[in-house]
Amino acid sequence: MENTTLSVKVSKEFAQKYREFCEAHCLQVGKFTEQALLEIMEDYHLGLKAQRILSRTPGGAVPHESAFTPSRKRRR
């Protein structure tokens, strides 16, 4: 896998707290950041799917087991 640099501007205070957190927990800053961002992106997409499902079903509750099962087209 090829690595690249991603630059993001943050406050000095945040950068210091982030470095201190990673150091205190023996985390590599880059790997921790990458994993955390991937999880946030997954949560975001799950939230969008939930919003779409809830907008289609006015009123009553939707069982999450049926709402998040793969569609039949994808099960092949």
C-alpha atoms as a PDB file:
ATOM      1  CA  MET A   1       0.000   0.000   0.000  1.00  0.00           C
ATOM      2  CA  GLU A   2       1.331   3.409  -0.926  1.00  0.00           C
ATOM      3  CA  ASN A   3       1.125   6.155   1.691  1.00  0.00           C
ATOM      4  CA  THR A   4       0.375   9.809   1.132  1.00  0.00           C
ATOM      5  CA  THR A   5       0.144  12.876   3.329  1.00  0.00           C
ATOM      6  CA  LEU A   6      -3.155  14.485   4.261  1.00  0.00           C
ATOM      7  CA  SER A   7      -2.893  17.964   5.727  1.00  0.00           C
ATOM      8  CA  VAL A   8      -5.641  19.441   7.849  1.00  0.00           C
ATOM      9  CA  LYS A   9      -5.505  22.763   9.646  1.00  0.00           C
ATOM     10  CA  VAL A  10      -6.424  22.534  13.316  1.00  0.00           C
ATOM     11  CA  SER A  11      -5.823  24.778  16.295  1.00  0.00           C
ATOM     12  CA  LYS A  12      -2.486  24.497  18.093  1.00  0.00           C
ATOM     13  CA  GLU A  13      -4.340  23.487  21.236  1.00  0.00           C
ATOM     14  CA  PHE A  14      -6.106  20.614  19.504  1.00  0.00           C
ATOM     15  CA  ALA A  15      -2.909  19.413  17.831  1.00  0.00           C
ATOM     16  CA  GLN A  16      -1.113  19.353  21.176  1.00  0.00           C
ATOM     17  CA  LYS A  17      -3.962  17.535  22.926  1.00  0.00           C
ATOM     18  CA  TYR A  18      -4.133  15.011  20.070  1.00  0.00           C
ATOM     19  CA  ARG A  19      -0.414  14.289  20.188  1.00  0.00           C
ATOM     20  CA  GLU A  20      -0.530  13.964  23.973  1.00  0.00           C
ATOM     21  CA  PHE A  21      -3.511  11.588  23.745  1.00  0.00           C
ATOM     22  CA  CYS A  22      -1.775   9.377  21.191  1.00  0.00           C
ATOM     23  CA  GLU A  23       1.448   9.367  23.198  1.00  0.00           C
ATOM     24  CA  ALA A  24      -0.337   8.574  26.472  1.00  0.00           C
ATOM     25  CA  HIS A  25      -2.106   5.617  24.842  1.00  0.00           C
ATOM     26  CA  CYS A  26       0.919   4.407  22.830  1.00  0.00           C
ATOM     27  CA  LEU A  27      -0.846   5.091  19.521  1.00  0.00           C
ATOM     28  CA  GLN A  28       0.808   5.949  16.230  1.00  0.00           C
ATOM     29  CA  VAL A  29      -0.768   9.257  15.235  1.00  0.00           C
ATOM     30  CA  GLY A  30      -1.171   8.393  11.530  1.00  0.00           C
ATOM     31  CA  LYS A  31      -2.613   4.911  12.024  1.00  0.00           C
ATOM     32  CA  PHE A  32      -4.929   6.056  14.809  1.00  0.00           C
ATOM     33  CA  THR A  33      -6.152   8.985  12.724  1.00  0.00           C
ATOM     34  CA  GLU A  34      -6.777   6.793   9.675  1.00  0.00           C
ATOM     35  CA  GLN A  35      -8.749   4.201  11.665  1.00  0.00           C
ATOM     36  CA  ALA A  36     -10.772   6.851  13.487  1.00  0.00           C
ATOM     37  CA  LEU A  37     -11.704   8.612  10.242  1.00  0.00           C
ATOM     38  CA  LEU A  38     -12.678   5.336   8.558  1.00  0.00           C
ATOM     39  CA  GLU A  39     -14.993   4.512  11.465  1.00  0.00           C
ATOM     40  CA  ILE A  40     -16.549   7.982  11.345  1.00  0.00           C
ATOM     41  CA  MET A  41     -17.162   7.619   7.593  1.00  0.00           C
ATOM     42  CA  GLU A  42     -18.802   4.212   8.129  1.00  0.00           C
ATOM     43  CA  ASP A  43     -21.021   5.640  10.874  1.00  0.00           C
ATOM     44  CA  TYR A  44     -21.962   8.537   8.595  1.00  0.00           C
ATOM     45  CA  HIS A  45     -23.048   6.194   5.798  1.00  0.00           C
ATOM     46  CA  LEU A  46     -24.977   4.016   8.247  1.00  0.00           C
ATOM     47  CA  GLY A  47     -26.729   7.160   9.511  1.00  0.00           C
ATOM     48  CA  LEU A  48     -27.677   8.176   5.975  1.00  0.00           C
ATOM     49  CA  LYS A  49     -29.150   4.738   5.337  1.00  0.00           C
ATOM     50  CA  ALA A  50     -31.126   4.964   8.580  1.00  0.00           C
ATOM     51  CA  GLN A  51     -32.483   8.377   7.581  1.00  0.00           C
ATOM     52  CA  ARG A  52     -33.608   7.027   4.191  1.00  0.00           C
ATOM     53  CA  ILE A  53     -35.360   4.077   5.842  1.00  0.00           C
ATOM     54  CA  LEU A  54     -37.071   6.239   8.444  1.00  0.00           C
ATOM     55  CA  SER A  55     -38.255   8.719   5.832  1.00  0.00           C
ATOM     56  CA  ARG A  56     -39.963   5.900   3.886  1.00  0.00           C
ATOM     57  CA  THR A  57     -41.821   4.541   6.902  1.00  0.00           C
ATOM     58  CA  PRO A  58     -44.039   7.126   8.532  1.00  0.00           C
ATOM     59  CA  GLY A  59     -45.060   6.378  12.078  1.00  0.00           C
ATOM     60  CA  GLY A  60     -44.289   2.923  13.460  1.00  0.00           C
ATOM     61  CA  ALA A  61     -40.971   1.406  14.357  1.00  0.00           C
ATOM     62  CA  VAL A  62     -38.903  -0.464  11.811  1.00  0.00           C
ATOM     63  CA  PRO A  63     -37.146  -3.648  12.972  1.00  0.00           C
ATOM     64  CA  HIS A  64     -33.453  -3.018  12.402  1.00  0.00           C
ATOM     65  CA  GLU A  65     -32.815  -6.654  11.403  1.00  0.00           C
ATOM     66  CA  SER A  66     -35.018  -6.337   8.339  1.00  0.00           C
ATOM     67  CA  ALA A  67     -34.078  -2.752   7.576  1.00  0.00           C
ATOM     68  CA  PHE A  68     -30.342  -3.405   7.326  1.00  0.00           C
ATOM     69  CA  THR A  69     -30.274  -6.792   5.640  1.00  0.00           C
ATOM     70  CA  PRO A  70     -28.690  -6.756   2.191  1.00  0.00           C
ATOM     71  CA  SER A  71     -31.110  -6.430  -0.685  1.00  0.00           C
ATOM     72  CA  ARG A  72     -31.894  -9.584  -2.644  1.00  0.00           C
ATOM     73  CA  LYS A  73     -30.077  -8.214  -5.676  1.00  0.00           C
ATOM     74  CA  ARG A  74     -26.791  -8.129  -3.755  1.00  0.00           C
ATOM     75  CA  ARG A  75     -27.033 -11.623  -2.179  1.00  0.00           C
ATOM     76  CA  ARG A  76     -26.093 -13.498  -5.329  1.00  0.00           C
END
